[in-house]
Amino acid sequence: MKCEVQNFIDGVSQTFMEHKRMRNCQMLEILNKVRSCDCKHQRRLNHCRMLKSGRRKPASQGWLRLLIAACFGLLLLMCIYMVHVARRYNHVRAYGSNACGSTLFYSYTDCDVYY
């Protein structure tokens, strides 16, 4: 059986905890309503919420997506260049100059044509 003083202290501490929780919720609502130009407080609040919820996005995920996109872009550019080189080769083959087509490092002026 608890004494009256202990019950009173428990009630007061519970009241303070409830008011502290309510004050935190109200502060979050006020900060969400405040409009700011750089919104750093929004990012900071979202970061704190993510840390509390336990699901944090890895920092390397953004760089990984960028790296994959860059690799696919490079592959696409290489494919386009190879189609261009094949087209130039076929054009030169069909219209003369002994099938000496120019590429990126091998221009028309470097081609030796013997008669």
PDB file of N, CA and C in Angstrom:
ATOM      1  N   MET A   1       0.839  -1.178   0.000  1.00  0.00           N
ATOM      2  CA  MET A   1       0.000   0.000   0.000  1.00  0.00           C
ATOM      3  C   MET A   1       0.889   1.247   0.000  1.00  0.00           C
ATOM      4  N   LYS A   2       0.640   2.090  -0.963  1.00  0.00           N
ATOM      5  CA  LYS A   2       1.428   3.314  -1.089  1.00  0.00           C
ATOM      6  C   LYS A   2       0.870   4.386  -0.158  1.00  0.00           C
ATOM      7  N   CYS A   3       1.774   5.215   0.261  1.00  0.00           N
ATOM      8  CA  CYS A   3       1.321   6.314   1.112  1.00  0.00           C
ATOM      9  C   CYS A   3       0.814   7.458   0.243  1.00  0.00           C
ATOM     10  N   GLU A   4       0.177   8.422   0.887  1.00  0.00           N
ATOM     11  CA  GLU A   4      -0.420   9.540   0.167  1.00  0.00           C
ATOM     12  C   GLU A   4       0.631  10.404  -0.520  1.00  0.00           C
ATOM     13  N   VAL A   5       1.766  10.562   0.102  1.00  0.00           N
ATOM     14  CA  VAL A   5       2.815  11.401  -0.468  1.00  0.00           C
ATOM     15  C   VAL A   5       3.331  10.795  -1.772  1.00  0.00           C
ATOM     16  N   GLN A   6       3.505   9.474  -1.781  1.00  0.00           N
ATOM     17  CA  GLN A   6       3.985   8.813  -2.997  1.00  0.00           C
ATOM     18  C   GLN A   6       2.960   8.938  -4.123  1.00  0.00           C
ATOM     19  N   ASN A   7       1.686   8.760  -3.804  1.00  0.00           N
ATOM     20  CA  ASN A   7       0.628   8.931  -4.810  1.00  0.00           C
ATOM     21  C   ASN A   7       0.613  10.358  -5.352  1.00  0.00           C
ATOM     22  N   PHE A   8       0.787  11.345  -4.462  1.00  0.00           N
ATOM     23  CA  PHE A   8       0.807  12.744  -4.881  1.00  0.00           C
ATOM     24  C   PHE A   8       1.995  13.013  -5.807  1.00  0.00           C
ATOM     25  N   ILE A   9       3.176  12.511  -5.450  1.00  0.00           N
ATOM     26  CA  ILE A   9       4.373  12.708  -6.273  1.00  0.00           C
ATOM     27  C   ILE A   9       4.204  12.037  -7.636  1.00  0.00           C
ATOM     28  N   ASP A  10       3.641  10.825  -7.652  1.00  0.00           N
ATOM     29  CA  ASP A  10       3.389  10.142  -8.929  1.00  0.00           C
ATOM     30  C   ASP A  10       2.422  10.931  -9.801  1.00  0.00           C
ATOM     31  N   GLY A  11       1.365  11.475  -9.193  1.00  0.00           N
ATOM     32  CA  GLY A  11       0.392  12.268  -9.944  1.00  0.00           C
ATOM     33  C   GLY A  11       1.001  13.529 -10.510  1.00  0.00           C
ATOM     34  N   VAL A  12       1.825  14.219  -9.709  1.00  0.00           N
ATOM     35  CA  VAL A  12       2.469  15.450 -10.168  1.00  0.00           C
ATOM     36  C   VAL A  12       3.448  15.149 -11.301  1.00  0.00           C
ATOM     37  N   SER A  13       4.246  14.089 -11.157  1.00  0.00           N
ATOM     38  CA  SER A  13       5.203  13.759 -12.221  1.00  0.00           C
ATOM     39  C   SER A  13       4.481  13.348 -13.503  1.00  0.00           C
ATOM     40  N   GLN A  14       3.367  12.633 -13.364  1.00  0.00           N
ATOM     41  CA  GLN A  14       2.592  12.247 -14.547  1.00  0.00           C
ATOM     42  C   GLN A  14       2.008  13.490 -15.225  1.00  0.00           C
ATOM     43  N   THR A  15       1.530  14.439 -14.434  1.00  0.00           N
ATOM     44  CA  THR A  15       0.980  15.679 -14.988  1.00  0.00           C
ATOM     45  C   THR A  15       2.059  16.459 -15.739  1.00  0.00           C
ATOM     46  N   PHE A  16       3.245  16.560 -15.130  1.00  0.00           N
ATOM     47  CA  PHE A  16       4.337  17.260 -15.807  1.00  0.00           C
ATOM     48  C   PHE A  16       4.743  16.558 -17.106  1.00  0.00           C
ATOM     49  N   MET A  17       4.776  15.244 -17.097  1.00  0.00           N
ATOM     50  CA  MET A  17       5.135  14.502 -18.314  1.00  0.00           C
ATOM     51  C   MET A  17       4.110  14.729 -19.419  1.00  0.00           C
ATOM     52  N   GLU A  18       2.816  14.723 -19.054  1.00  0.00           N
ATOM     53  CA  GLU A  18       1.770  14.966 -20.057  1.00  0.00           C
ATOM     54  C   GLU A  18       1.893  16.372 -20.643  1.00  0.00           C
ATOM     55  N   HIS A  19       2.140  17.364 -19.778  1.00  0.00           N
ATOM     56  CA  HIS A  19       2.272  18.736 -20.270  1.00  0.00           C
ATOM     57  C   HIS A  19       3.529  18.900 -21.121  1.00  0.00           C
ATOM     58  N   LYS A  20       4.596  18.202 -20.762  1.00  0.00           N
ATOM     59  CA  LYS A  20       5.814  18.264 -21.571  1.00  0.00           C
ATOM     60  C   LYS A  20       5.565  17.659 -22.949  1.00  0.00           C
ATOM     61  N   ARG A  21       4.863  16.540 -22.999  1.00  0.00           N
ATOM     62  CA  ARG A  21       4.534  15.897 -24.271  1.00  0.00           C
ATOM     63  C   ARG A  21       3.631  16.805 -25.112  1.00  0.00           C
ATOM     64  N   MET A  22       2.631  17.419 -24.462  1.00  0.00           N
ATOM     65  CA  MET A  22       1.737  18.328 -25.187  1.00  0.00           C
ATOM     66  C   MET A  22       2.506  19.543 -25.712  1.00  0.00           C
ATOM     67  N   ARG A  23       3.434  20.075 -24.905  1.00  0.00           N
ATOM     68  CA  ARG A  23       4.226  21.229 -25.317  1.00  0.00           C
ATOM     69  C   ARG A  23       5.105  20.876 -26.516  1.00  0.00           C
ATOM     70  N   ASN A  24       5.685  19.680 -26.516  1.00  0.00           N
ATOM     71  CA  ASN A  24       6.488  19.244 -27.662  1.00  0.00           C
ATOM     72  C   ASN A  24       5.639  19.137 -28.923  1.00  0.00           C
ATOM     73  N   CYS A  25       4.448  18.563 -28.794  1.00  0.00           N
ATOM     74  CA  CYS A  25       3.554  18.453 -29.959  1.00  0.00           C
ATOM     75  C   CYS A  25       3.155  19.829 -30.480  1.00  0.00           C
ATOM     76  N   GLN A  26       2.858  20.759 -29.565  1.00  0.00           N
ATOM     77  CA  GLN A  26       2.485  22.104 -29.986  1.00  0.00           C
ATOM     78  C   GLN A  26       3.651  22.818 -30.663  1.00  0.00           C
ATOM     79  N   MET A  27       4.853  22.627 -30.151  1.00  0.00           N
ATOM     80  CA  MET A  27       6.026  23.245 -30.785  1.00  0.00           C
ATOM     81  C   MET A  27       6.243  22.697 -32.193  1.00  0.00           C
ATOM     82  N   LEU A  28       6.048  21.394 -32.357  1.00  0.00           N
ATOM     83  CA  LEU A  28       6.182  20.814 -33.698  1.00  0.00           C
ATOM     84  C   LEU A  28       5.135  21.375 -34.645  1.00  0.00           C
ATOM     85  N   GLU A  29       3.902  21.541 -34.163  1.00  0.00           N
ATOM     86  CA  GLU A  29       2.853  22.117 -35.004  1.00  0.00           C
ATOM     87  C   GLU A  29       3.183  23.557 -35.381  1.00  0.00           C
ATOM     88  N   ILE A  30       3.698  24.323 -34.420  1.00  0.00           N
ATOM     89  CA  ILE A  30       4.061  25.716 -34.699  1.00  0.00           C
ATOM     90  C   ILE A  30       5.194  25.778 -35.717  1.00  0.00           C
ATOM     91  N   LEU A  31       6.198  24.922 -35.546  1.00  0.00           N
ATOM     92  CA  LEU A  31       7.311  24.921 -36.499  1.00  0.00           C
ATOM     93  C   LEU A  31       6.870  24.475 -37.884  1.00  0.00           C
ATOM     94  N   ASN A  32       5.894  23.581 -37.957  1.00  0.00           N
ATOM     95  CA  ASN A  32       5.386  23.160 -39.263  1.00  0.00           C
ATOM     96  C   ASN A  32       4.619  24.282 -39.949  1.00  0.00           C
ATOM     97  N   LYS A  33       3.992  25.158 -39.153  1.00  0.00           N
ATOM     98  CA  LYS A  33       3.218  26.250 -39.735  1.00  0.00           C
ATOM     99  C   LYS A  33       4.093  27.422 -40.169  1.00  0.00           C
ATOM    100  N   VAL A  34       5.270  27.554 -39.576  1.00  0.00           N
ATOM    101  CA  VAL A  34       6.158  28.676 -39.891  1.00  0.00           C
ATOM    102  C   VAL A  34       6.696  28.510 -41.305  1.00  0.00           C
ATOM    103  N   ARG A  35       6.611  29.558 -42.069  1.00  0.00           N
ATOM    104  CA  ARG A  35       7.146  29.517 -43.430  1.00  0.00           C
ATOM    105  C   ARG A  35       8.525  30.143 -43.413  1.00  0.00           C
ATOM    106  N   SER A  36       9.452  29.441 -44.019  1.00  0.00           N
ATOM    107  CA  SER A  36      10.833  29.915 -44.048  1.00  0.00           C
ATOM    108  C   SER A  36      11.379  29.750 -45.455  1.00  0.00           C
ATOM    109  N   CYS A  37      12.385  30.549 -45.794  1.00  0.00           N
ATOM    110  CA  CYS A  37      12.957  30.479 -47.133  1.00  0.00           C
ATOM    111  C   CYS A  37      13.827  29.251 -47.328  1.00  0.00           C
ATOM    112  N   ASP A  38      14.647  28.934 -46.330  1.00  0.00           N
ATOM    113  CA  ASP A  38      15.564  27.823 -46.568  1.00  0.00           C
ATOM    114  C   ASP A  38      15.101  26.521 -45.922  1.00  0.00           C
ATOM    115  N   CYS A  39      14.089  26.531 -45.090  1.00  0.00           N
ATOM    116  CA  CYS A  39      13.439  25.327 -44.542  1.00  0.00           C
ATOM    117  C   CYS A  39      14.419  24.344 -43.913  1.00  0.00           C
ATOM    118  N   LYS A  40      15.476  24.835 -43.291  1.00  0.00           N
ATOM    119  CA  LYS A  40      16.403  23.922 -42.638  1.00  0.00           C
ATOM    120  C   LYS A  40      15.765  23.264 -41.425  1.00  0.00           C
ATOM    121  N   HIS A  41      14.859  23.988 -40.774  1.00  0.00           N
ATOM    122  CA  HIS A  41      14.198  23.388 -39.617  1.00  0.00           C
ATOM    123  C   HIS A  41      13.336  22.203 -40.039  1.00  0.00           C
ATOM    124  N   GLN A  42      12.730  22.278 -41.237  1.00  0.00           N
ATOM    125  CA  GLN A  42      11.922  21.151 -41.718  1.00  0.00           C
ATOM    126  C   GLN A  42      12.784  19.920 -41.934  1.00  0.00           C
ATOM    127  N   ARG A  43      13.948  20.119 -42.544  1.00  0.00           N
ATOM    128  CA  ARG A  43      14.847  18.983 -42.766  1.00  0.00           C
ATOM    129  C   ARG A  43      15.338  18.414 -41.444  1.00  0.00           C
ATOM    130  N   ARG A  44      15.633  19.295 -40.509  1.00  0.00           N
ATOM    131  CA  ARG A  44      16.108  18.837 -39.206  1.00  0.00           C
ATOM    132  C   ARG A  44      15.009  18.052 -38.484  1.00  0.00           C
ATOM    133  N   LEU A  45      13.771  18.546 -38.555  1.00  0.00           N
ATOM    134  CA  LEU A  45      12.663  17.831 -37.918  1.00  0.00           C
ATOM    135  C   LEU A  45      12.417  16.483 -38.585  1.00  0.00           C
ATOM    136  N   ASN A  46      12.450  16.454 -39.901  1.00  0.00           N
ATOM    137  CA  ASN A  46      12.263  15.179 -40.601  1.00  0.00           C
ATOM    138  C   ASN A  46      13.378  14.201 -40.275  1.00  0.00           C
ATOM    139  N   HIS A  47      14.595  14.713 -40.143  1.00  0.00           N
ATOM    140  CA  HIS A  47      15.725  13.855 -39.783  1.00  0.00           C
ATOM    141  C   HIS A  47      15.519  13.270 -38.386  1.00  0.00           C
ATOM    142  N   CYS A  48      15.068  14.099 -37.446  1.00  0.00           N
ATOM    143  CA  CYS A  48      14.812  13.603 -36.086  1.00  0.00           C
ATOM    144  C   CYS A  48      13.686  12.581 -36.081  1.00  0.00           C
ATOM    145  N   ARG A  49      12.656  12.834 -36.867  1.00  0.00           N
ATOM    146  CA  ARG A  49      11.547  11.864 -36.920  1.00  0.00           C
ATOM    147  C   ARG A  49      12.000  10.535 -37.512  1.00  0.00           C
ATOM    148  N   MET A  50      12.848  10.599 -38.542  1.00  0.00           N
ATOM    149  CA  MET A  50      13.351   9.354 -39.129  1.00  0.00           C
ATOM    150  C   MET A  50      14.208   8.594 -38.139  1.00  0.00           C
ATOM    151  N   LEU A  51      15.026   9.319 -37.364  1.00  0.00           N
ATOM    152  CA  LEU A  51      15.870   8.647 -36.380  1.00  0.00           C
ATOM    153  C   LEU A  51      15.029   7.998 -35.292  1.00  0.00           C
ATOM    154  N   LYS A  52      13.953   8.673 -34.878  1.00  0.00           N
ATOM    155  CA  LYS A  52      13.092   8.102 -33.841  1.00  0.00           C
ATOM    156  C   LYS A  52      12.315   6.902 -34.362  1.00  0.00           C
ATOM    157  N   SER A  53      11.906   6.957 -35.634  1.00  0.00           N
ATOM    158  CA  SER A  53      11.122   5.848 -36.175  1.00  0.00           C
ATOM    159  C   SER A  53      11.995   4.645 -36.504  1.00  0.00           C
ATOM    160  N   GLY A  54      13.304   4.847 -36.617  1.00  0.00           N
ATOM    161  CA  GLY A  54      14.205   3.728 -36.839  1.00  0.00           C
ATOM    162  C   GLY A  54      14.488   3.419 -38.285  1.00  0.00           C
ATOM    163  N   ARG A  55      13.859   4.085 -39.211  1.00  0.00           N
ATOM    164  CA  ARG A  55      14.116   3.825 -40.628  1.00  0.00           C
ATOM    165  C   ARG A  55      14.888   5.007 -41.196  1.00  0.00           C
ATOM    166  N   ARG A  56      16.158   4.794 -41.357  1.00  0.00           N
ATOM    167  CA  ARG A  56      17.027   5.839 -41.883  1.00  0.00           C
ATOM    168  C   ARG A  56      17.494   5.463 -43.279  1.00  0.00           C
ATOM    169  N   LYS A  57      17.461   6.423 -44.162  1.00  0.00           N
ATOM    170  CA  LYS A  57      17.887   6.208 -45.544  1.00  0.00           C
ATOM    171  C   LYS A  57      19.409   6.286 -45.602  1.00  0.00           C
ATOM    172  N   PRO A  58      20.056   5.307 -46.191  1.00  0.00           N
ATOM    173  CA  PRO A  58      21.520   5.363 -46.262  1.00  0.00           C
ATOM    174  C   PRO A  58      21.988   6.518 -47.147  1.00  0.00           C
ATOM    175  N   ALA A  59      23.083   7.131 -46.742  1.00  0.00           N
ATOM    176  CA  ALA A  59      23.587   8.306 -47.469  1.00  0.00           C
ATOM    177  C   ALA A  59      24.135   7.933 -48.836  1.00  0.00           C
ATOM    178  N   SER A  60      24.602   6.698 -48.988  1.00  0.00           N
ATOM    179  CA  SER A  60      25.205   6.303 -50.260  1.00  0.00           C
ATOM    180  C   SER A  60      24.164   5.970 -51.325  1.00  0.00           C
ATOM    181  N   GLN A  61      22.897   5.903 -50.947  1.00  0.00           N
ATOM    182  CA  GLN A  61      21.866   5.530 -51.916  1.00  0.00           C
ATOM    183  C   GLN A  61      21.742   6.574 -53.027  1.00  0.00           C
ATOM    184  N   GLY A  62      21.838   7.854 -52.700  1.00  0.00           N
ATOM    185  CA  GLY A  62      21.760   8.903 -53.721  1.00  0.00           C
ATOM    186  C   GLY A  62      22.924   8.846 -54.689  1.00  0.00           C
ATOM    187  N   TRP A  63      24.138   8.616 -54.162  1.00  0.00           N
ATOM    188  CA  TRP A  63      25.320   8.518 -55.020  1.00  0.00           C
ATOM    189  C   TRP A  63      25.259   7.278 -55.884  1.00  0.00           C
ATOM    190  N   LEU A  64      24.715   6.199 -55.356  1.00  0.00           N
ATOM    191  CA  LEU A  64      24.617   4.966 -56.127  1.00  0.00           C
ATOM    192  C   LEU A  64      23.674   5.151 -57.310  1.00  0.00           C
ATOM    193  N   ARG A  65      22.554   5.801 -57.086  1.00  0.00           N
ATOM    194  CA  ARG A  65      21.620   6.065 -58.191  1.00  0.00           C
ATOM    195  C   ARG A  65      22.261   6.954 -59.249  1.00  0.00           C
ATOM    196  N   LEU A  66      23.001   7.957 -58.808  1.00  0.00           N
ATOM    197  CA  LEU A  66      23.679   8.842 -59.753  1.00  0.00           C
ATOM    198  C   LEU A  66      24.728   8.083 -60.556  1.00  0.00           C
ATOM    199  N   LEU A  67      25.471   7.210 -59.906  1.00  0.00           N
ATOM    200  CA  LEU A  67      26.490   6.420 -60.593  1.00  0.00           C
ATOM    201  C   LEU A  67      25.863   5.474 -61.613  1.00  0.00           C
ATOM    202  N   ILE A  68      24.770   4.826 -61.249  1.00  0.00           N
ATOM    203  CA  ILE A  68      24.084   3.918 -62.179  1.00  0.00           C
ATOM    204  C   ILE A  68      23.541   4.703 -63.373  1.00  0.00           C
ATOM    205  N   ALA A  69      22.952   5.868 -63.117  1.00  0.00           N
ATOM    206  CA  ALA A  69      22.433   6.690 -64.217  1.00  0.00           C
ATOM    207  C   ALA A  69      23.565   7.149 -65.135  1.00  0.00           C
ATOM    208  N   ALA A  70      24.706   7.503 -64.563  1.00  0.00           N
ATOM    209  CA  ALA A  70      25.843   7.924 -65.383  1.00  0.00           C
ATOM    210  C   ALA A  70      26.363   6.771 -66.235  1.00  0.00           C
ATOM    211  N   CYS A  71      26.401   5.562 -65.676  1.00  0.00           N
ATOM    212  CA  CYS A  71      26.859   4.397 -66.454  1.00  0.00           C
ATOM    213  C   CYS A  71      25.915   4.107 -67.614  1.00  0.00           C
ATOM    214  N   PHE A  72      24.606   4.143 -67.347  1.00  0.00           N
ATOM    215  CA  PHE A  72      23.658   3.906 -68.431  1.00  0.00           C
ATOM    216  C   PHE A  72      23.734   5.010 -69.484  1.00  0.00           C
ATOM    217  N   GLY A  73      23.944   6.240 -69.058  1.00  0.00           N
ATOM    218  CA  GLY A  73      24.110   7.332 -70.014  1.00  0.00           C
ATOM    219  C   GLY A  73      25.337   7.137 -70.886  1.00  0.00           C
ATOM    220  N   LEU A  74      26.443   6.700 -70.279  1.00  0.00           N
ATOM    221  CA  LEU A  74      27.662   6.439 -71.041  1.00  0.00           C
ATOM    222  C   LEU A  74      27.458   5.296 -72.033  1.00  0.00           C
ATOM    223  N   LEU A  75      26.781   4.237 -71.604  1.00  0.00           N
ATOM    224  CA  LEU A  75      26.494   3.125 -72.522  1.00  0.00           C
ATOM    225  C   LEU A  75      25.618   3.578 -73.689  1.00  0.00           C
ATOM    226  N   LEU A  76      24.638   4.419 -73.399  1.00  0.00           N
ATOM    227  CA  LEU A  76      23.769   4.930 -74.458  1.00  0.00           C
ATOM    228  C   LEU A  76      24.562   5.782 -75.444  1.00  0.00           C
ATOM    229  N   LEU A  77      25.440   6.635 -74.938  1.00  0.00           N
ATOM    230  CA  LEU A  77      26.267   7.448 -75.836  1.00  0.00           C
ATOM    231  C   LEU A  77      27.199   6.586 -76.679  1.00  0.00           C
ATOM    232  N   MET A  78      27.756   5.532 -76.091  1.00  0.00           N
ATOM    233  CA  MET A  78      28.622   4.635 -76.858  1.00  0.00           C
ATOM    234  C   MET A  78      27.836   3.920 -77.952  1.00  0.00           C
ATOM    235  N   CYS A  79      26.619   3.498 -77.660  1.00  0.00           N
ATOM    236  CA  CYS A  79      25.792   2.841 -78.683  1.00  0.00           C
ATOM    237  C   CYS A  79      25.464   3.805 -79.820  1.00  0.00           C
ATOM    238  N   ILE A  80      25.115   5.030 -79.474  1.00  0.00           N
ATOM    239  CA  ILE A  80      24.819   6.024 -80.508  1.00  0.00           C
ATOM    240  C   ILE A  80      26.055   6.284 -81.362  1.00  0.00           C
ATOM    241  N   TYR A  81      27.224   6.373 -80.742  1.00  0.00           N
ATOM    242  CA  TYR A  81      28.457   6.602 -81.485  1.00  0.00           C
ATOM    243  C   TYR A  81      28.771   5.421 -82.400  1.00  0.00           C
ATOM    244  N   MET A  82      28.568   4.205 -81.946  1.00  0.00           N
ATOM    245  CA  MET A  82      28.843   3.032 -82.782  1.00  0.00           C
ATOM    246  C   MET A  82      27.903   2.985 -83.984  1.00  0.00           C
ATOM    247  N   VAL A  83      26.646   3.348 -83.796  1.00  0.00           N
ATOM    248  CA  VAL A  83      25.718   3.411 -84.931  1.00  0.00           C
ATOM    249  C   VAL A  83      26.188   4.477 -85.918  1.00  0.00           C
ATOM    250  N   HIS A  84      26.655   5.612 -85.413  1.00  0.00           N
ATOM    251  CA  HIS A  84      27.157   6.676 -86.284  1.00  0.00           C
ATOM    252  C   HIS A  84      28.386   6.201 -87.071  1.00  0.00           C
ATOM    253  N   VAL A  85      29.317   5.520 -86.416  1.00  0.00           N
ATOM    254  CA  VAL A  85      30.523   5.037 -87.094  1.00  0.00           C
ATOM    255  C   VAL A  85      30.158   4.000 -88.153  1.00  0.00           C
ATOM    256  N   ALA A  86      29.242   3.088 -87.842  1.00  0.00           N
ATOM    257  CA  ALA A  86      28.827   2.081 -88.825  1.00  0.00           C
ATOM    258  C   ALA A  86      28.148   2.745 -90.020  1.00  0.00           C
ATOM    259  N   ARG A  87      27.353   3.756 -89.759  1.00  0.00           N
ATOM    260  CA  ARG A  87      26.678   4.466 -90.848  1.00  0.00           C
ATOM    261  C   ARG A  87      27.697   5.173 -91.741  1.00  0.00           C
ATOM    262  N   ARG A  88      28.694   5.819 -91.128  1.00  0.00           N
ATOM    263  CA  ARG A  88      29.729   6.488 -91.914  1.00  0.00           C
ATOM    264  C   ARG A  88      30.542   5.485 -92.728  1.00  0.00           C
ATOM    265  N   TYR A  89      30.851   4.337 -92.141  1.00  0.00           N
ATOM    266  CA  TYR A  89      31.614   3.310 -92.849  1.00  0.00           C
ATOM    267  C   TYR A  89      30.832   2.819 -94.064  1.00  0.00           C
ATOM    268  N   ASN A  90      29.554   2.537 -93.875  1.00  0.00           N
ATOM    269  CA  ASN A  90      28.733   2.064 -94.994  1.00  0.00           C
ATOM    270  C   ASN A  90      28.596   3.134 -96.070  1.00  0.00           C
ATOM    271  N   HIS A  91      28.489   4.382 -95.668  1.00  0.00           N
ATOM    272  CA  HIS A  91      28.377   5.465 -96.643  1.00  0.00           C
ATOM    273  C   HIS A  91      29.665   5.596 -97.466  1.00  0.00           C
ATOM    274  N   VAL A  92      30.799   5.538 -96.797  1.00  0.00           N
ATOM    275  CA  VAL A  92      32.078   5.644 -97.506  1.00  0.00           C
ATOM    276  C   VAL A  92      32.283   4.424 -98.384  1.00  0.00           C
ATOM    277  N   ARG A  93      31.906   3.268 -97.913  1.00  0.00           N
ATOM    278  CA  ARG A  93      32.055   2.026 -98.690  1.00  0.00           C
ATOM    279  C   ARG A  93      31.203   2.085 -99.967  1.00  0.00           C
ATOM    280  N   ALA A  94      29.997   2.632 -99.845  1.00  0.00           N
ATOM    281  CA  ALA A  94      29.099   2.698-100.995  1.00  0.00           C
ATOM    282  C   ALA A  94      29.524   3.767-101.997  1.00  0.00           C
ATOM    283  N   TYR A  95      30.072   4.875-101.540  1.00  0.00           N
ATOM    284  CA  TYR A  95      30.366   5.985-102.433  1.00  0.00           C
ATOM    285  C   TYR A  95      31.849   6.193-102.716  1.00  0.00           C
ATOM    286  N   GLY A  96      32.691   5.269-102.331  1.00  0.00           N
ATOM    287  CA  GLY A  96      34.099   5.383-102.714  1.00  0.00           C
ATOM    288  C   GLY A  96      35.026   5.643-101.540  1.00  0.00           C
ATOM    289  N   SER A  97      36.240   6.065-101.889  1.00  0.00           N
ATOM    290  CA  SER A  97      37.314   6.369-100.956  1.00  0.00           C
ATOM    291  C   SER A  97      37.814   5.119-100.255  1.00  0.00           C
ATOM    292  N   ASN A  98      37.684   3.961-100.895  1.00  0.00           N
ATOM    293  CA  ASN A  98      38.191   2.680-100.408  1.00  0.00           C
ATOM    294  C   ASN A  98      37.757   2.344 -98.983  1.00  0.00           C
ATOM    295  N   ALA A  99      36.581   2.717 -98.640  1.00  0.00           N
ATOM    296  CA  ALA A  99      35.994   2.412 -97.331  1.00  0.00           C
ATOM    297  C   ALA A  99      36.840   2.937 -96.183  1.00  0.00           C
ATOM    298  N   CYS A 100      37.403   4.086 -96.382  1.00  0.00           N
ATOM    299  CA  CYS A 100      38.193   4.708 -95.316  1.00  0.00           C
ATOM    300  C   CYS A 100      37.317   5.744 -94.631  1.00  0.00           C
ATOM    301  N   GLY A 101      36.562   5.316 -93.668  1.00  0.00           N
ATOM    302  CA  GLY A 101      35.651   6.216 -92.973  1.00  0.00           C
ATOM    303  C   GLY A 101      36.317   6.897 -91.805  1.00  0.00           C
ATOM    304  N   SER A 102      35.821   8.048 -91.455  1.00  0.00           N
ATOM    305  CA  SER A 102      36.425   8.760 -90.335  1.00  0.00           C
ATOM    306  C   SER A 102      35.712   8.374 -89.048  1.00  0.00           C
ATOM    307  N   THR A 103      36.493   8.265 -88.010  1.00  0.00           N
ATOM    308  CA  THR A 103      35.949   8.038 -86.675  1.00  0.00           C
ATOM    309  C   THR A 103      36.385   9.204 -85.807  1.00  0.00           C
ATOM    310  N   LEU A 104      36.295   9.047 -84.539  1.00  0.00           N
ATOM    311  CA  LEU A 104      36.637  10.133 -83.634  1.00  0.00           C
ATOM    312  C   LEU A 104      38.121  10.476 -83.715  1.00  0.00           C
ATOM    313  N   PHE A 105      38.986   9.469 -83.779  1.00  0.00           N
ATOM    314  CA  PHE A 105      40.423   9.696 -83.785  1.00  0.00           C
ATOM    315  C   PHE A 105      41.053   9.523 -85.164  1.00  0.00           C
ATOM    316  N   TYR A 106      40.267   9.164 -86.166  1.00  0.00           N
ATOM    317  CA  TYR A 106      40.799   8.849 -87.488  1.00  0.00           C
ATOM    318  C   TYR A 106      39.960   9.601 -88.510  1.00  0.00           C
ATOM    319  N   SER A 107      40.427  10.757 -88.934  1.00  0.00           N
ATOM    320  CA  SER A 107      39.623  11.587 -89.823  1.00  0.00           C
ATOM    321  C   SER A 107      39.879  11.217 -91.284  1.00  0.00           C
ATOM    322  N   TYR A 108      39.138  11.871 -92.179  1.00  0.00           N
ATOM    323  CA  TYR A 108      39.280  11.612 -93.609  1.00  0.00           C
ATOM    324  C   TYR A 108      40.654  12.024 -94.117  1.00  0.00           C
ATOM    325  N   THR A 109      41.263  13.026 -93.542  1.00  0.00           N
ATOM    326  CA  THR A 109      42.543  13.517 -94.049  1.00  0.00           C
ATOM    327  C   THR A 109      43.688  12.564 -93.747  1.00  0.00           C
ATOM    328  N   ASP A 110      43.514  11.667 -92.770  1.00  0.00           N
ATOM    329  CA  ASP A 110      44.574  10.726 -92.421  1.00  0.00           C
ATOM    330  C   ASP A 110      44.548   9.466 -93.274  1.00  0.00           C
ATOM    331  N   CYS A 111      43.544   9.320 -94.111  1.00  0.00           N
ATOM    332  CA  CYS A 111      43.389   8.091 -94.882  1.00  0.00           C
ATOM    333  C   CYS A 111      44.265   8.153 -96.134  1.00  0.00           C
ATOM    334  N   ASP A 112      45.099   7.149 -96.313  1.00  0.00           N
ATOM    335  CA  ASP A 112      45.942   7.073 -97.506  1.00  0.00           C
ATOM    336  C   ASP A 112      45.207   6.301 -98.589  1.00  0.00           C
ATOM    337  N   VAL A 113      44.994   6.964 -99.712  1.00  0.00           N
ATOM    338  CA  VAL A 113      44.333   6.325-100.838  1.00  0.00           C
ATOM    339  C   VAL A 113      45.371   6.171-101.937  1.00  0.00           C
ATOM    340  N   TYR A 114      45.641   4.930-102.347  1.00  0.00           N
ATOM    341  CA  TYR A 114      46.637   4.650-103.386  1.00  0.00           C
ATOM    342  C   TYR A 114      45.919   4.384-104.696  1.00  0.00           C
ATOM    343  N   TYR A 115      46.454   4.906-105.790  1.00  0.00           N
ATOM    344  CA  TYR A 115      45.855   4.695-107.103  1.00  0.00           C
ATOM    345  C   TYR A 115      46.644   3.692-107.878  1.00  0.00           C
TER     346      TYR A 115
END
